PDB file of N, CA and C in Angstrom:
ATOM      1  N   MET A   1     132.577  70.228  98.034  1.00  0.00           N
ATOM      2  CA  MET A   1     133.551  68.942  99.132  1.00  0.00           C
ATOM      3  C   MET A   1     134.372  68.325  98.729  1.00  0.00           C
ATOM      4  N   TYR A   2     135.097  67.690  99.971  1.00  0.00           N
ATOM      5  CA  TYR A   2     135.923  66.823  99.656  1.00  0.00           C
ATOM      6  C   TYR A   2     136.124  65.659 101.024  1.00  0.00           C
ATOM      7  N   HIS A   3     135.362  64.992 100.233  1.00  0.00           N
ATOM      8  CA  HIS A   3     135.793  63.426 101.350  1.00  0.00           C
ATOM      9  C   HIS A   3     135.510  62.303 100.673  1.00  0.00           C
ATOM     10  N   ASN A   4     137.284  61.532 101.860  1.00  0.00           N
ATOM     11  CA  ASN A   4     137.502  60.445 101.124  1.00  0.00           C
ATOM     12  C   ASN A   4     138.059  59.862  99.538  1.00  0.00           C
ATOM     13  N   GLY A   5     138.523  61.366  98.748  1.00  0.00           N
ATOM     14  CA  GLY A   5     138.602  61.154  97.033  1.00  0.00           C
ATOM     15  C   GLY A   5     137.038  61.400  96.345  1.00  0.00           C
ATOM     16  N   ASN A   6     136.038  61.632  97.470  1.00  0.00           N
ATOM     17  CA  ASN A   6     134.681  61.692  96.527  1.00  0.00           C
ATOM     18  C   ASN A   6     134.490  63.479  96.464  1.00  0.00           C
ATOM     19  N   ILE A   7     133.437  63.752  95.210  1.00  0.00           N
ATOM     20  CA  ILE A   7     133.293  64.776  95.790  1.00  0.00           C
ATOM     21  C   ILE A   7     131.732  64.811  95.350  1.00  0.00           C
ATOM     22  N   GLY A   8     131.277  65.883  96.495  1.00  0.00           N
ATOM     23  CA  GLY A   8     129.861  65.714  96.158  1.00  0.00           C
ATOM     24  C   GLY A   8     129.689  66.675  97.370  1.00  0.00           C
ATOM     25  N   PHE A   9     127.978  66.732  97.784  1.00  0.00           N
ATOM     26  CA  PHE A   9     127.614  67.116  99.038  1.00  0.00           C
ATOM     27  C   PHE A   9     127.298  66.423 100.453  1.00  0.00           C
ATOM     28  N   ARG A  10     127.538  66.657 101.712  1.00  0.00           N
ATOM     29  CA  ARG A  10     127.106  65.939 102.180  1.00  0.00           C
ATOM     30  C   ARG A  10     126.117  65.607 102.699  1.00  0.00           C
ATOM     31  N   PHE A  11     125.187  65.119 102.539  1.00  0.00           N
ATOM     32  CA  PHE A  11     123.407  65.298 102.887  1.00  0.00           C
ATOM     33  C   PHE A  11     123.108  63.452 103.635  1.00  0.00           C
ATOM     34  N   TYR A  12     123.131  63.524 105.028  1.00  0.00           N
ATOM     35  CA  TYR A  12     122.141  62.580 105.475  1.00  0.00           C
ATOM     36  C   TYR A  12     122.993  61.719 105.761  1.00  0.00           C
ATOM     37  N   ASN A  13     124.235  61.351 106.106  1.00  0.00           N
ATOM     38  CA  ASN A  13     124.982  60.131 106.060  1.00  0.00           C
ATOM     39  C   ASN A  13     125.448  59.970 103.986  1.00  0.00           C
ATOM     40  N   SER A  14     125.034  60.617 103.668  1.00  0.00           N
ATOM     41  CA  SER A  14     125.230  59.615 102.341  1.00  0.00           C
ATOM     42  C   SER A  14     125.627  60.705 100.855  1.00  0.00           C
ATOM     43  N   TYR A  15     125.729  60.429  99.653  1.00  0.00           N
ATOM     44  CA  TYR A  15     126.801  62.101  98.989  1.00  0.00           C
ATOM     45  C   TYR A  15     125.306  62.252  98.514  1.00  0.00           C
ATOM     46  N   ILE A  16     124.557  63.720  97.816  1.00  0.00           N
ATOM     47  CA  ILE A  16     124.072  63.499  96.901  1.00  0.00           C
ATOM     48  C   ILE A  16     124.030  63.100  95.938  1.00  0.00           C
ATOM     49  N   PHE A  17     125.816  63.186  95.294  1.00  0.00           N
ATOM     50  CA  PHE A  17     126.222  62.974  94.160  1.00  0.00           C
ATOM     51  C   PHE A  17     127.628  63.527  94.324  1.00  0.00           C
ATOM     52  N   SER A  18     128.715  61.474  93.985  1.00  0.00           N
ATOM     53  CA  SER A  18     129.803  61.709  93.501  1.00  0.00           C
ATOM     54  C   SER A  18     130.033  61.390  92.801  1.00  0.00           C
ATOM     55  N   LYS A  19     131.378  61.030  91.942  1.00  0.00           N
ATOM     56  CA  LYS A  19     131.697  60.618  90.437  1.00  0.00           C
ATOM     57  C   LYS A  19     131.356  58.774  90.225  1.00  0.00           C
ATOM     58  N   GLU A  20     132.336  58.961  91.511  1.00  0.00           N
ATOM     59  CA  GLU A  20     132.341  57.516  91.172  1.00  0.00           C
ATOM     60  C   GLU A  20     131.258  56.207  91.400  1.00  0.00           C
ATOM     61  N   LYS A  21     130.049  56.919  92.529  1.00  0.00           N
ATOM     62  CA  LYS A  21     128.862  56.664  93.180  1.00  0.00           C
ATOM     63  C   LYS A  21     127.637  56.842  91.825  1.00  0.00           C
ATOM     64  N   GLY A  22     127.381  58.060  91.640  1.00  0.00           N
ATOM     65  CA  GLY A  22     126.547  59.051  91.016  1.00  0.00           C
ATOM     66  C   GLY A  22     125.031  58.817  92.216  1.00  0.00           C
ATOM     67  N   TRP A  23     124.172  58.968  91.440  1.00  0.00           N
ATOM     68  CA  TRP A  23     123.201  59.159  92.505  1.00  0.00           C
ATOM     69  C   TRP A  23     122.693  58.394  93.725  1.00  0.00           C
ATOM     70  N   ARG A  24     122.193  58.911  94.540  1.00  0.00           N
ATOM     71  CA  ARG A  24     121.995  57.549  95.586  1.00  0.00           C
ATOM     72  C   ARG A  24     120.606  57.421  96.248  1.00  0.00           C
ATOM     73  N   ALA A  25     119.501  56.339  95.640  1.00  0.00           N
ATOM     74  CA  ALA A  25     118.478  56.078  95.625  1.00  0.00           C
ATOM     75  C   ALA A  25     117.869  57.191  96.986  1.00  0.00           C
ATOM     76  N   VAL A  26     118.381  57.366  98.134  1.00  0.00           N
ATOM     77  CA  VAL A  26     117.611  57.692  98.715  1.00  0.00           C
ATOM     78  C   VAL A  26     117.920  59.509  99.589  1.00  0.00           C
ATOM     79  N   SER A  27     118.987  59.632  98.117  1.00  0.00           N
ATOM     80  CA  SER A  27     119.244  61.232  97.826  1.00  0.00           C
ATOM     81  C   SER A  27     117.940  61.722  97.223  1.00  0.00           C
ATOM     82  N   GLU A  28     117.768  60.771  96.035  1.00  0.00           N
ATOM     83  CA  GLU A  28     116.673  61.191  95.022  1.00  0.00           C
ATOM     84  C   GLU A  28     115.965  61.154  95.671  1.00  0.00           C
ATOM     85  N   LEU A  29     114.799  60.400  96.837  1.00  0.00           N
ATOM     86  CA  LEU A  29     113.975  60.337  96.977  1.00  0.00           C
ATOM     87  C   LEU A  29     113.416  61.730  97.900  1.00  0.00           C
ATOM     88  N   LEU A  30     114.469  62.167  98.482  1.00  0.00           N
ATOM     89  CA  LEU A  30     114.504  63.582  99.464  1.00  0.00           C
ATOM     90  C   LEU A  30     114.731  64.107  98.460  1.00  0.00           C
ATOM     91  N   ILE A  31     115.129  64.510  97.094  1.00  0.00           N
ATOM     92  CA  ILE A  31     115.227  65.641  96.545  1.00  0.00           C
ATOM     93  C   ILE A  31     113.812  65.711  95.985  1.00  0.00           C
ATOM     94  N   GLU A  32     112.470  64.278  95.706  1.00  0.00           N
ATOM     95  CA  GLU A  32     111.254  64.336  95.122  1.00  0.00           C
ATOM     96  C   GLU A  32     111.055  64.879  95.527  1.00  0.00           C
ATOM     97  N   ILE A  33     111.244  65.210  97.330  1.00  0.00           N
ATOM     98  CA  ILE A  33     110.121  65.617  98.600  1.00  0.00           C
ATOM     99  C   ILE A  33     109.749  66.980  98.495  1.00  0.00           C
ATOM    100  N   TYR A  34     111.290  67.108  98.361  1.00  0.00           N
ATOM    101  CA  TYR A  34     111.867  68.683  98.576  1.00  0.00           C
ATOM    102  C   TYR A  34     111.617  69.427  97.286  1.00  0.00           C
ATOM    103  N   LYS A  35     111.245  68.824  95.725  1.00  0.00           N
ATOM    104  CA  LYS A  35     110.228  69.314  94.978  1.00  0.00           C
ATOM    105  C   LYS A  35     108.948  69.076  94.837  1.00  0.00           C
ATOM    106  N   ILE A  36     108.375  68.316  95.436  1.00  0.00           N
ATOM    107  CA  ILE A  36     106.727  68.182  95.704  1.00  0.00           C
ATOM    108  C   ILE A  36     106.472  69.497  96.678  1.00  0.00           C
ATOM    109  N   THR A  37     107.072  68.981  97.677  1.00  0.00           N
ATOM    110  CA  THR A  37     107.055  70.483  99.298  1.00  0.00           C
ATOM    111  C   THR A  37     106.463  71.887  98.099  1.00  0.00           C
ATOM    112  N   ALA A  38     108.017  71.955  97.407  1.00  0.00           N
ATOM    113  CA  ALA A  38     107.666  73.269  97.171  1.00  0.00           C
ATOM    114  C   ALA A  38     106.857  73.634  96.420  1.00  0.00           C
ATOM    115  N   SER A  39     106.579  72.997  95.077  1.00  0.00           N
ATOM    116  CA  SER A  39     105.458  72.779  93.750  1.00  0.00           C
ATOM    117  C   SER A  39     104.363  73.153  95.109  1.00  0.00           C
ATOM    118  N   LEU A  40     103.381  72.158  96.089  1.00  0.00           N
ATOM    119  CA  LEU A  40     102.706  72.427  96.527  1.00  0.00           C
ATOM    120  C   LEU A  40     102.432  73.650  97.466  1.00  0.00           C
ATOM    121  N   LEU A  41     103.520  74.058  97.674  1.00  0.00           N
ATOM    122  CA  LEU A  41     103.726  75.709  98.659  1.00  0.00           C
ATOM    123  C   LEU A  41     102.816  76.744  97.004  1.00  0.00           C
ATOM    124  N   LEU A  42     104.054  76.373  95.828  1.00  0.00           N
ATOM    125  CA  LEU A  42     103.532  77.883  95.388  1.00  0.00           C
ATOM    126  C   LEU A  42     102.226  77.623  94.535  1.00  0.00           C
ATOM    127  N   GLY A  43     101.630  76.522  94.687  1.00  0.00           N
ATOM    128  CA  GLY A  43     100.323  76.440  93.936  1.00  0.00           C
ATOM    129  C   GLY A  43      99.788  77.125  95.296  1.00  0.00           C
ATOM    130  N   LEU A  44      99.806  76.740  96.276  1.00  0.00           N
ATOM    131  CA  LEU A  44      98.669  77.180  97.205  1.00  0.00           C
ATOM    132  C   LEU A  44      98.965  78.649  97.864  1.00  0.00           C
ATOM    133  N   GLY A  45     100.258  79.157  97.604  1.00  0.00           N
ATOM    134  CA  GLY A  45     100.226  81.029  97.796  1.00  0.00           C
ATOM    135  C   GLY A  45      99.586  81.328  96.215  1.00  0.00           C
ATOM    136  N   ILE A  46      99.380  80.580  95.585  1.00  0.00           N
ATOM    137  CA  ILE A  46      98.895  81.728  94.322  1.00  0.00           C
ATOM    138  C   ILE A  46      97.133  81.055  93.859  1.00  0.00           C
ATOM    139  N   GLY A  47      97.076  80.205  94.758  1.00  0.00           N
ATOM    140  CA  GLY A  47      95.650  79.476  95.031  1.00  0.00           C
ATOM    141  C   GLY A  47      94.567  80.503  96.200  1.00  0.00           C
ATOM    142  N   VAL A  48      95.897  80.682  96.805  1.00  0.00           N
ATOM    143  CA  VAL A  48      94.804  81.579  97.805  1.00  0.00           C
ATOM    144  C   VAL A  48      94.977  83.018  97.632  1.00  0.00           C
ATOM    145  N   MET A  49      95.971  83.297  96.441  1.00  0.00           N
ATOM    146  CA  MET A  49      96.104  84.660  95.805  1.00  0.00           C
ATOM    147  C   MET A  49      94.797  85.137  95.006  1.00  0.00           C
ATOM    148  N   LEU A  50      94.859  83.865  94.393  1.00  0.00           N
ATOM    149  CA  LEU A  50      93.862  84.440  93.786  1.00  0.00           C
ATOM    150  C   LEU A  50      92.320  84.500  93.835  1.00  0.00           C
ATOM    151  N   SER A  51      91.889  83.040  95.146  1.00  0.00           N
ATOM    152  CA  SER A  51      90.814  83.299  95.104  1.00  0.00           C
ATOM    153  C   SER A  51      90.010  84.045  96.313  1.00  0.00           C
ATOM    154  N   SER A  52      90.858  84.720  96.567  1.00  0.00           N
ATOM    155  CA  SER A  52      90.494  85.722  98.074  1.00  0.00           C
ATOM    156  C   SER A  52      90.904  87.037  98.000  1.00  0.00           C
ATOM    157  N   ARG A  53      89.478  87.973  97.777  1.00  0.00           N
ATOM    158  CA  ARG A  53      89.892  89.630  98.449  1.00  0.00           C
ATOM    159  C   ARG A  53      90.018  90.025  99.639  1.00  0.00           C
ATOM    160  N   SER A  54      89.910  89.713 100.682  1.00  0.00           N
ATOM    161  CA  SER A  54      91.422  90.114 101.932  1.00  0.00           C
ATOM    162  C   SER A  54      92.666  90.300 101.733  1.00  0.00           C
ATOM    163  N   LEU A  55      93.509  91.609 102.165  1.00  0.00           N
ATOM    164  CA  LEU A  55      94.176  91.611 102.488  1.00  0.00           C
ATOM    165  C   LEU A  55      95.428  90.996 103.239  1.00  0.00           C
ATOM    166  N   ILE A  56      94.677  90.472 104.020  1.00  0.00           N
ATOM    167  CA  ILE A  56      95.292  89.690 104.622  1.00  0.00           C
ATOM    168  C   ILE A  56      95.253  88.267 104.136  1.00  0.00           C
ATOM    169  N   LYS A  57      94.906  87.667 103.337  1.00  0.00           N
ATOM    170  CA  LYS A  57      94.718  86.196 103.209  1.00  0.00           C
ATOM    171  C   LYS A  57      95.469  87.157 101.661  1.00  0.00           C
ATOM    172  N   MET A  58      95.248  87.185 100.934  1.00  0.00           N
ATOM    173  CA  MET A  58      96.464  88.116  99.665  1.00  0.00           C
ATOM    174  C   MET A  58      97.725  87.901 100.683  1.00  0.00           C
ATOM    175  N   LEU A  59      98.267  88.670 101.722  1.00  0.00           N
ATOM    176  CA  LEU A  59      99.422  89.100 101.667  1.00  0.00           C
ATOM    177  C   LEU A  59      99.706  87.497 102.548  1.00  0.00           C
ATOM    178  N   LEU A  60      98.900  86.856 102.860  1.00  0.00           N
ATOM    179  CA  LEU A  60      99.000  85.509 103.213  1.00  0.00           C
ATOM    180  C   LEU A  60      99.442  84.146 102.444  1.00  0.00           C
ATOM    181  N   GLY A  61      99.063  84.521 101.414  1.00  0.00           N
ATOM    182  CA  GLY A  61      99.133  83.116  99.850  1.00  0.00           C
ATOM    183  C   GLY A  61     100.620  84.611  99.508  1.00  0.00           C
ATOM    184  N   ILE A  62     100.996  85.311  99.486  1.00  0.00           N
ATOM    185  CA  ILE A  62     101.978  85.885  98.747  1.00  0.00           C
ATOM    186  C   ILE A  62     103.037  85.268  99.609  1.00  0.00           C
ATOM    187  N   GLU A  63     103.549  85.307 101.738  1.00  0.00           N
ATOM    188  CA  GLU A  63     103.999  85.000 101.858  1.00  0.00           C
ATOM    189  C   GLU A  63     104.053  83.184 101.930  1.00  0.00           C
ATOM    190  N   VAL A  64     103.176  82.201 101.721  1.00  0.00           N
ATOM    191  CA  VAL A  64     103.259  81.258 100.777  1.00  0.00           C
ATOM    192  C   VAL A  64     104.357  80.701  99.899  1.00  0.00           C
ATOM    193  N   MET A  65     103.645  81.676  98.893  1.00  0.00           N
ATOM    194  CA  MET A  65     104.718  81.561  97.637  1.00  0.00           C
ATOM    195  C   MET A  65     106.533  81.765  97.919  1.00  0.00           C
ATOM    196  N   PHE A  66     106.875  82.588  98.747  1.00  0.00           N
ATOM    197  CA  PHE A  66     107.846  83.356  98.566  1.00  0.00           C
ATOM    198  C   PHE A  66     108.512  81.852  99.576  1.00  0.00           C
ATOM    199  N   ASN A  67     107.631  81.087 100.726  1.00  0.00           N
ATOM    200  CA  ASN A  67     108.234  80.289 101.045  1.00  0.00           C
ATOM    201  C   ASN A  67     108.927  79.224 100.163  1.00  0.00           C
ATOM    202  N   GLY A  68     107.986  78.683  99.233  1.00  0.00           N
ATOM    203  CA  GLY A  68     108.420  77.303  98.129  1.00  0.00           C
ATOM    204  C   GLY A  68     108.841  77.826  97.408  1.00  0.00           C
ATOM    205  N   SER A  69     109.063  79.256  97.090  1.00  0.00           N
ATOM    206  CA  SER A  69     110.597  79.360  95.595  1.00  0.00           C
ATOM    207  C   SER A  69     111.623  79.089  97.041  1.00  0.00           C
ATOM    208  N   LEU A  70     111.478  79.965  98.242  1.00  0.00           N
ATOM    209  CA  LEU A  70     112.992  79.145  98.837  1.00  0.00           C
ATOM    210  C   LEU A  70     113.183  78.217  99.276  1.00  0.00           C
ATOM    211  N   LEU A  71     111.980  77.369  99.157  1.00  0.00           N
ATOM    212  CA  LEU A  71     112.495  75.985  99.349  1.00  0.00           C
ATOM    213  C   LEU A  71     113.340  74.960  97.633  1.00  0.00           C
ATOM    214  N   TYR A  72     112.322  75.712  97.161  1.00  0.00           N
ATOM    215  CA  TYR A  72     113.156  75.339  95.613  1.00  0.00           C
ATOM    216  C   TYR A  72     114.677  75.808  95.170  1.00  0.00           C
ATOM    217  N   LEU A  73     114.460  76.782  95.870  1.00  0.00           N
ATOM    218  CA  LEU A  73     116.342  77.752  95.877  1.00  0.00           C
ATOM    219  C   LEU A  73     117.070  77.076  96.548  1.00  0.00           C
ATOM    220  N   THR A  74     117.001  76.259  97.749  1.00  0.00           N
ATOM    221  CA  THR A  74     117.239  75.784  98.503  1.00  0.00           C
ATOM    222  C   THR A  74     117.489  73.897  98.355  1.00  0.00           C
ATOM    223  N   LEU A  75     116.899  73.860  98.041  1.00  0.00           N
ATOM    224  CA  LEU A  75     117.042  72.369  96.947  1.00  0.00           C
ATOM    225  C   LEU A  75     117.880  72.421  96.114  1.00  0.00           C
ATOM    226  N   ILE A  76     118.103  73.825  95.012  1.00  0.00           N
ATOM    227  CA  ILE A  76     118.764  73.600  93.873  1.00  0.00           C
ATOM    228  C   ILE A  76     120.268  74.042  94.343  1.00  0.00           C
ATOM    229  N   GLY A  77     120.129  75.153  95.557  1.00  0.00           N
ATOM    230  CA  GLY A  77     121.778  75.421  96.051  1.00  0.00           C
ATOM    231  C   GLY A  77     122.541  74.468  96.436  1.00  0.00           C
ATOM    232  N   THR A  78     121.569  72.802  97.435  1.00  0.00           N
ATOM    233  CA  THR A  78     122.333  71.563  97.892  1.00  0.00           C
ATOM    234  C   THR A  78     122.835  71.410  96.436  1.00  0.00           C
ATOM    235  N   ILE A  79     121.478  71.016  95.407  1.00  0.00           N
ATOM    236  CA  ILE A  79     122.627  69.968  94.104  1.00  0.00           C
ATOM    237  C   ILE A  79     123.775  70.918  93.739  1.00  0.00           C
ATOM    238  N   TYR A  80     123.436  71.597  93.944  1.00  0.00           N
ATOM    239  CA  TYR A  80     124.830  72.908  92.478  1.00  0.00           C
ATOM    240  C   TYR A  80     125.502  73.664  93.747  1.00  0.00           C
ATOM    241  N   PRO A  81     126.604  72.893  94.844  1.00  0.00           N
ATOM    242  CA  PRO A  81     127.181  74.140  95.990  1.00  0.00           C
ATOM    243  C   PRO A  81     127.398  75.166  94.931  1.00  0.00           C
ATOM    244  N   TYR A  82     127.739  75.284  93.782  1.00  0.00           N
ATOM    245  CA  TYR A  82     129.155  76.271  93.794  1.00  0.00           C
ATOM    246  C   TYR A  82     127.721  77.596  93.187  1.00  0.00           C
ATOM    247  N   MET A  83     126.782  77.356  93.012  1.00  0.00           N
ATOM    248  CA  MET A  83     125.686  78.595  92.429  1.00  0.00           C
ATOM    249  C   MET A  83     124.781  78.939  93.779  1.00  0.00           C
ATOM    250  N   ALA A  84     125.284  78.966  95.015  1.00  0.00           N
ATOM    251  CA  ALA A  84     124.059  79.252  96.143  1.00  0.00           C
ATOM    252  C   ALA A  84     125.197  80.695  96.205  1.00  0.00           C
ATOM    253  N   ALA A  85     126.063  81.312  95.614  1.00  0.00           N
ATOM    254  CA  ALA A  85     125.789  82.823  96.022  1.00  0.00           C
ATOM    255  C   ALA A  85     124.510  83.820  94.499  1.00  0.00           C
ATOM    256  N   VAL A  86     124.296  82.504  93.792  1.00  0.00           N
ATOM    257  CA  VAL A  86     123.587  83.418  92.819  1.00  0.00           C
ATOM    258  C   VAL A  86     122.028  83.381  93.109  1.00  0.00           C
ATOM    259  N   PHE A  87     122.209  81.776  94.166  1.00  0.00           N
ATOM    260  CA  PHE A  87     121.169  82.341  94.772  1.00  0.00           C
ATOM    261  C   PHE A  87     120.451  82.860  95.842  1.00  0.00           C
ATOM    262  N   SER A  88     121.296  82.731  96.386  1.00  0.00           N
ATOM    263  CA  SER A  88     121.083  83.649  97.440  1.00  0.00           C
ATOM    264  C   SER A  88     120.651  85.380  97.426  1.00  0.00           C
ATOM    265  N   LEU A  89     121.426  86.220  96.069  1.00  0.00           N
ATOM    266  CA  LEU A  89     121.238  86.887  95.261  1.00  0.00           C
ATOM    267  C   LEU A  89     119.507  86.618  94.896  1.00  0.00           C
ATOM    268  N   LEU A  90     119.505  85.440  94.186  1.00  0.00           N
ATOM    269  CA  LEU A  90     117.706  86.151  93.686  1.00  0.00           C
ATOM    270  C   LEU A  90     117.155  85.797  94.654  1.00  0.00           C
ATOM    271  N   ALA A  91     117.002  84.914  95.885  1.00  0.00           N
ATOM    272  CA  ALA A  91     116.426  84.867  97.079  1.00  0.00           C
ATOM    273  C   ALA A  91     116.116  86.243  97.798  1.00  0.00           C
ATOM    274  N   ILE A  92     116.858  87.419  97.727  1.00  0.00           N
ATOM    275  CA  ILE A  92     116.803  88.703  97.918  1.00  0.00           C
ATOM    276  C   ILE A  92     116.267  89.375  97.007  1.00  0.00           C
ATOM    277  N   LEU A  93     116.661  88.986  95.972  1.00  0.00           N
ATOM    278  CA  LEU A  93     115.542  89.970  94.376  1.00  0.00           C
ATOM    279  C   LEU A  93     114.008  89.736  94.816  1.00  0.00           C
ATOM    280  N   ILE A  94     113.906  88.620  95.492  1.00  0.00           N
ATOM    281  CA  ILE A  94     112.215  87.046  95.593  1.00  0.00           C
ATOM    282  C   ILE A  94     111.966  88.020  96.771  1.00  0.00           C
ATOM    283  N   ALA A  95     112.443  88.411  97.883  1.00  0.00           N
ATOM    284  CA  ALA A  95     111.933  89.425  98.091  1.00  0.00           C
ATOM    285  C   ALA A  95     111.790  90.991  98.329  1.00  0.00           C
ATOM    286  N   SER A  96     112.031  91.111  97.460  1.00  0.00           N
ATOM    287  CA  SER A  96     112.186  92.337  97.187  1.00  0.00           C
ATOM    288  C   SER A  96     110.878  92.849  96.709  1.00  0.00           C
ATOM    289  N   ALA A  97     110.657  91.782  95.615  1.00  0.00           N
ATOM    290  CA  ALA A  97     109.626  91.836  94.733  1.00  0.00           C
ATOM    291  C   ALA A  97     108.459  91.259  95.479  1.00  0.00           C
ATOM    292  N   GLU A  98     108.183  90.629  96.564  1.00  0.00           N
ATOM    293  CA  GLU A  98     107.472  90.360  97.112  1.00  0.00           C
ATOM    294  C   GLU A  98     106.842  91.625  98.584  1.00  0.00           C
ATOM    295  N   LEU A  99     107.532  92.476  98.715  1.00  0.00           N
ATOM    296  CA  LEU A  99     107.986  93.197  99.181  1.00  0.00           C
ATOM    297  C   LEU A  99     107.044  94.909  98.456  1.00  0.00           C
ATOM    298  N   LEU A 100     107.339  94.648  97.034  1.00  0.00           N
ATOM    299  CA  LEU A 100     106.442  95.833  95.985  1.00  0.00           C
ATOM    300  C   LEU A 100     104.867  95.092  96.340  1.00  0.00           C
ATOM    301  N   VAL A 101     104.822  94.352  95.867  1.00  0.00           N
ATOM    302  CA  VAL A 101     104.030  93.620  95.778  1.00  0.00           C
ATOM    303  C   VAL A 101     102.823  94.068  96.785  1.00  0.00           C
ATOM    304  N   ALA A 102     103.155  93.725  98.049  1.00  0.00           N
ATOM    305  CA  ALA A 102     102.832  93.651  99.248  1.00  0.00           C
ATOM    306  C   ALA A 102     102.155  95.275  99.591  1.00  0.00           C
ATOM    307  N   VAL A 103     103.101  95.831  98.712  1.00  0.00           N
ATOM    308  CA  VAL A 103     102.884  96.718  99.157  1.00  0.00           C
ATOM    309  C   VAL A 103     101.855  98.211  98.172  1.00  0.00           C
ATOM    310  N   SER A 104     101.767  97.431  97.045  1.00  0.00           N
ATOM    311  CA  SER A 104     100.962  97.473  95.457  1.00  0.00           C
ATOM    312  C   SER A 104      99.789  97.432  95.963  1.00  0.00           C
ATOM    313  N   ILE A 105      99.161  96.036  97.149  1.00  0.00           N
ATOM    314  CA  ILE A 105      98.362  95.477  97.359  1.00  0.00           C
ATOM    315  C   ILE A 105      97.485  96.615  98.708  1.00  0.00           C
ATOM    316  N   VAL A 106      98.082  96.853  99.288  1.00  0.00           N
ATOM    317  CA  VAL A 106      98.248  97.972 100.744  1.00  0.00           C
ATOM    318  C   VAL A 106      97.801  99.517  99.650  1.00  0.00           C
ATOM    319  N   ILE A 107      98.008  99.671  98.681  1.00  0.00           N
ATOM    320  CA  ILE A 107      97.968 100.878  97.765  1.00  0.00           C
ATOM    321  C   ILE A 107      96.852 100.732  97.349  1.00  0.00           C
ATOM    322  N   LEU A 108      96.231  99.885  96.911  1.00  0.00           N
ATOM    323  CA  LEU A 108      94.692  99.315  96.380  1.00  0.00           C
ATOM    324  C   LEU A 108      93.632  98.996  96.959  1.00  0.00           C
ATOM    325  N   TYR A 109      94.550  98.687  98.590  1.00  0.00           N
ATOM    326  CA  TYR A 109      92.950  98.808  99.365  1.00  0.00           C
ATOM    327  C   TYR A 109      92.954 100.158  99.950  1.00  0.00           C
ATOM    328  N   TYR A 110      93.592 101.193  99.993  1.00  0.00           N
ATOM    329  CA  TYR A 110      93.487 102.862 100.330  1.00  0.00           C
ATOM    330  C   TYR A 110      92.924 103.249  99.500  1.00  0.00           C
ATOM    331  N   ARG A 111      92.558 103.254  97.428  1.00  0.00           N
ATOM    332  CA  ARG A 111      92.193 103.911  96.626  1.00  0.00           C
ATOM    333  C   ARG A 111      90.526 102.893  96.666  1.00  0.00           C
ATOM    334  N   TRP A 112      90.473 101.753  97.331  1.00  0.00           N
ATOM    335  CA  TRP A 112      89.073 100.680  97.224  1.00  0.00           C
ATOM    336  C   TRP A 112      88.300 101.230  98.137  1.00  0.00           C
ATOM    337  N   HIS A 113      89.303 101.968  99.701  1.00  0.00           N
ATOM    338  CA  HIS A 113      87.651 101.960 101.312  1.00  0.00           C
ATOM    339  C   HIS A 113      88.534 103.734 101.508  1.00  0.00           C
ATOM    340  N   GLY A 114      89.862 104.154 101.245  1.00  0.00           N
ATOM    341  CA  GLY A 114      90.164 105.580 101.009  1.00  0.00           C
ATOM    342  C   GLY A 114      90.837 105.231 102.980  1.00  0.00           C
ATOM    343  N   GLU A 115      90.914 104.276 103.539  1.00  0.00           N
ATOM    344  CA  GLU A 115      91.619 104.041 105.071  1.00  0.00           C
ATOM    345  C   GLU A 115      92.237 102.666 104.354  1.00  0.00           C
ATOM    346  N   ILE A 116      93.580 102.550 105.270  1.00  0.00           N
ATOM    347  CA  ILE A 116      93.778 101.186 105.152  1.00  0.00           C
ATOM    348  C   ILE A 116      93.421 100.293 106.941  1.00  0.00           C
ATOM    349  N   THR A 117      93.508 100.973 107.329  1.00  0.00           N
ATOM    350  CA  THR A 117      92.958 100.417 109.046  1.00  0.00           C
ATOM    351  C   THR A 117      91.758  99.845 108.432  1.00  0.00           C
ATOM    352  N   ILE A 118      91.563  98.298 109.143  1.00  0.00           N
ATOM    353  CA  ILE A 118      90.675  97.715 108.703  1.00  0.00           C
ATOM    354  C   ILE A 118      89.967  97.308 110.347  1.00  0.00           C
ATOM    355  N   LYS A 119      88.598  97.633 109.815  1.00  0.00           N
ATOM    356  CA  LYS A 119      87.157  97.673 110.667  1.00  0.00           C
ATOM    357  C   LYS A 119      86.001  96.616 111.640  1.00  0.00           C
ATOM    358  N   GLY A 120      86.450  95.794 112.191  1.00  0.00           N
ATOM    359  CA  GLY A 120      85.624  94.788 112.260  1.00  0.00           C
ATOM    360  C   GLY A 120      85.396  93.966 110.888  1.00  0.00           C
ATOM    361  N   GLU A 121      84.327  92.982 110.198  1.00  0.00           N
ATOM    362  CA  GLU A 121      84.505  92.363 109.886  1.00  0.00           C
ATOM    363  C   GLU A 121      84.061  92.881 108.500  1.00  0.00           C
ATOM    364  N   LEU A 122      84.956  91.650 107.252  1.00  0.00           N
ATOM    365  CA  LEU A 122      84.479  92.672 105.802  1.00  0.00           C
ATOM    366  C   LEU A 122      83.249  92.510 105.449  1.00  0.00           C
ATOM    367  N   PRO A 123      82.548  93.061 104.735  1.00  0.00           N
ATOM    368  CA  PRO A 123      81.611  92.477 103.690  1.00  0.00           C
ATOM    369  C   PRO A 123      81.379  91.151 103.192  1.00  0.00           C
ATOM    370  N   GLU A 124      80.485  90.984 103.023  1.00  0.00           N
ATOM    371  CA  GLU A 124      80.212  89.291 102.536  1.00  0.00           C
ATOM    372  C   GLU A 124      81.356  89.029 100.507  1.00  0.00           C
ATOM    373  N   GLU A 125      81.054  90.675 100.393  1.00  0.00           N
ATOM    374  CA  GLU A 125      81.491  90.434  98.406  1.00  0.00           C
ATOM    375  C   GLU A 125      82.880  90.738  98.994  1.00  0.00           C
ATOM    376  N   ASN A 126      83.196  92.089 100.035  1.00  0.00           N
ATOM    377  CA  ASN A 126      85.499  91.679  99.645  1.00  0.00           C
ATOM    378  C   ASN A 126      86.178  90.438 100.591  1.00  0.00           C
ATOM    379  N   ARG A 127      85.516  89.175 100.888  1.00  0.00           N
ATOM    380  CA  ARG A 127      85.458  87.976 101.861  1.00  0.00           C
ATOM    381  C   ARG A 127      86.557  87.210 100.168  1.00  0.00           C
TER     382      ARG A 127
END
């Protein structure tokens, strides 16, 4: 975007990057907060998915990982606005992979238990 001769992306009344001013301290702090949050979401999703045998917990872990990756893609798309189309296609691919993993978990659950419906409490060894 062009604004007063500066090339950059407008973000909370300051530019993330402009040729004359470079990186601003406030924008750097926000970028670091986004990076840390996205990393925490990815790590939390991986941890939930690996530590649980419950179908619902696994699917929730996948959703948290997906949201962390989308947050990171949004951050990169904000820094490099010309890459937004590429990252939107990448988000669609990630959503497709998420659906594939979710369906494979449901199929695996069906093979283990012989049915897809969950009745009552799960046994202690399957939690």
